[in-house]
């Protein structure tokens, strides 16, 4: 159960990092 939570948090972290990157790429 704890492992599932950690995996989910990692996915959210990746999205938080990736979203601004994608926005920057689209602006160019």
N, C-alpha and C. Protein backbone atom coordinates (compact mmCIF):
# COMPACT_ATOMS: atom_id res chain seq x y z
N UNK A 1 0.84 -1.20 0.00
CA UNK A 1 0.00 0.00 0.00
C UNK A 1 0.88 1.26 0.00
N UNK A 2 1.90 1.27 0.82
CA UNK A 2 2.79 2.43 0.86
C UNK A 2 3.51 2.59 -0.47
N UNK A 3 3.87 1.46 -1.07
CA UNK A 3 4.58 1.50 -2.36
C UNK A 3 3.70 2.17 -3.41
N UNK A 4 2.42 1.82 -3.43
CA UNK A 4 1.50 2.41 -4.41
C UNK A 4 1.46 3.93 -4.25
N UNK A 5 1.43 4.40 -3.02
CA UNK A 5 1.39 5.84 -2.77
C UNK A 5 2.66 6.50 -3.27
N UNK A 6 3.79 5.88 -3.02
CA UNK A 6 5.07 6.45 -3.46
C UNK A 6 5.11 6.53 -4.99
N UNK A 7 4.63 5.49 -5.66
CA UNK A 7 4.62 5.47 -7.13
C UNK A 7 3.74 6.61 -7.64
N UNK A 8 2.60 6.79 -6.98
CA UNK A 8 1.67 7.84 -7.42
C UNK A 8 2.30 9.22 -7.24
N UNK A 9 2.99 9.42 -6.11
CA UNK A 9 3.64 10.70 -5.85
C UNK A 9 4.72 10.95 -6.88
N UNK A 10 5.44 9.90 -7.25
CA UNK A 10 6.50 10.06 -8.26
C UNK A 10 5.89 10.48 -9.59
N UNK A 11 4.75 9.88 -9.93
CA UNK A 11 4.08 10.23 -11.19
C UNK A 11 3.66 11.69 -11.17
N UNK A 12 3.13 12.14 -10.04
CA UNK A 12 2.69 13.54 -9.92
C UNK A 12 3.89 14.47 -10.05
N UNK A 13 5.01 14.10 -9.41
CA UNK A 13 6.22 14.92 -9.49
C UNK A 13 6.67 15.04 -10.94
N UNK A 14 6.65 13.92 -11.66
CA UNK A 14 7.06 13.92 -13.07
C UNK A 14 6.16 14.85 -13.88
N UNK A 15 4.86 14.79 -13.62
CA UNK A 15 3.92 15.65 -14.36
C UNK A 15 4.18 17.12 -14.04
N UNK A 16 4.42 17.42 -12.78
CA UNK A 16 4.67 18.81 -12.37
C UNK A 16 5.92 19.35 -13.06
N UNK A 17 6.92 18.48 -13.26
CA UNK A 17 8.16 18.91 -13.92
C UNK A 17 7.94 18.97 -15.44
N UNK A 18 7.18 18.04 -15.98
CA UNK A 18 7.02 17.94 -17.44
C UNK A 18 6.07 19.00 -17.99
N UNK A 19 5.05 19.37 -17.23
CA UNK A 19 4.05 20.32 -17.75
C UNK A 19 4.66 21.66 -18.17
N UNK A 20 5.47 22.32 -17.32
CA UNK A 20 6.08 23.59 -17.74
C UNK A 20 6.98 23.41 -18.95
N UNK A 21 7.66 22.27 -19.02
CA UNK A 21 8.53 21.99 -20.17
C UNK A 21 7.72 21.96 -21.46
N UNK A 22 6.59 21.26 -21.42
CA UNK A 22 5.74 21.15 -22.62
C UNK A 22 5.20 22.52 -23.01
N UNK A 23 4.83 23.31 -22.03
CA UNK A 23 4.31 24.66 -22.32
C UNK A 23 5.38 25.50 -23.00
N UNK A 24 6.61 25.40 -22.51
CA UNK A 24 7.71 26.17 -23.10
C UNK A 24 7.94 25.73 -24.54
N UNK A 25 7.89 24.41 -24.78
CA UNK A 25 8.12 23.89 -26.13
C UNK A 25 7.03 24.40 -27.07
N UNK A 26 5.80 24.45 -26.59
CA UNK A 26 4.69 24.89 -27.45
C UNK A 26 4.80 26.38 -27.77
N UNK A 27 5.34 27.16 -26.85
CA UNK A 27 5.45 28.61 -27.08
C UNK A 27 6.47 28.93 -28.16
N UNK A 28 7.47 28.05 -28.33
CA UNK A 28 8.53 28.35 -29.30
C UNK A 28 8.05 28.15 -30.73
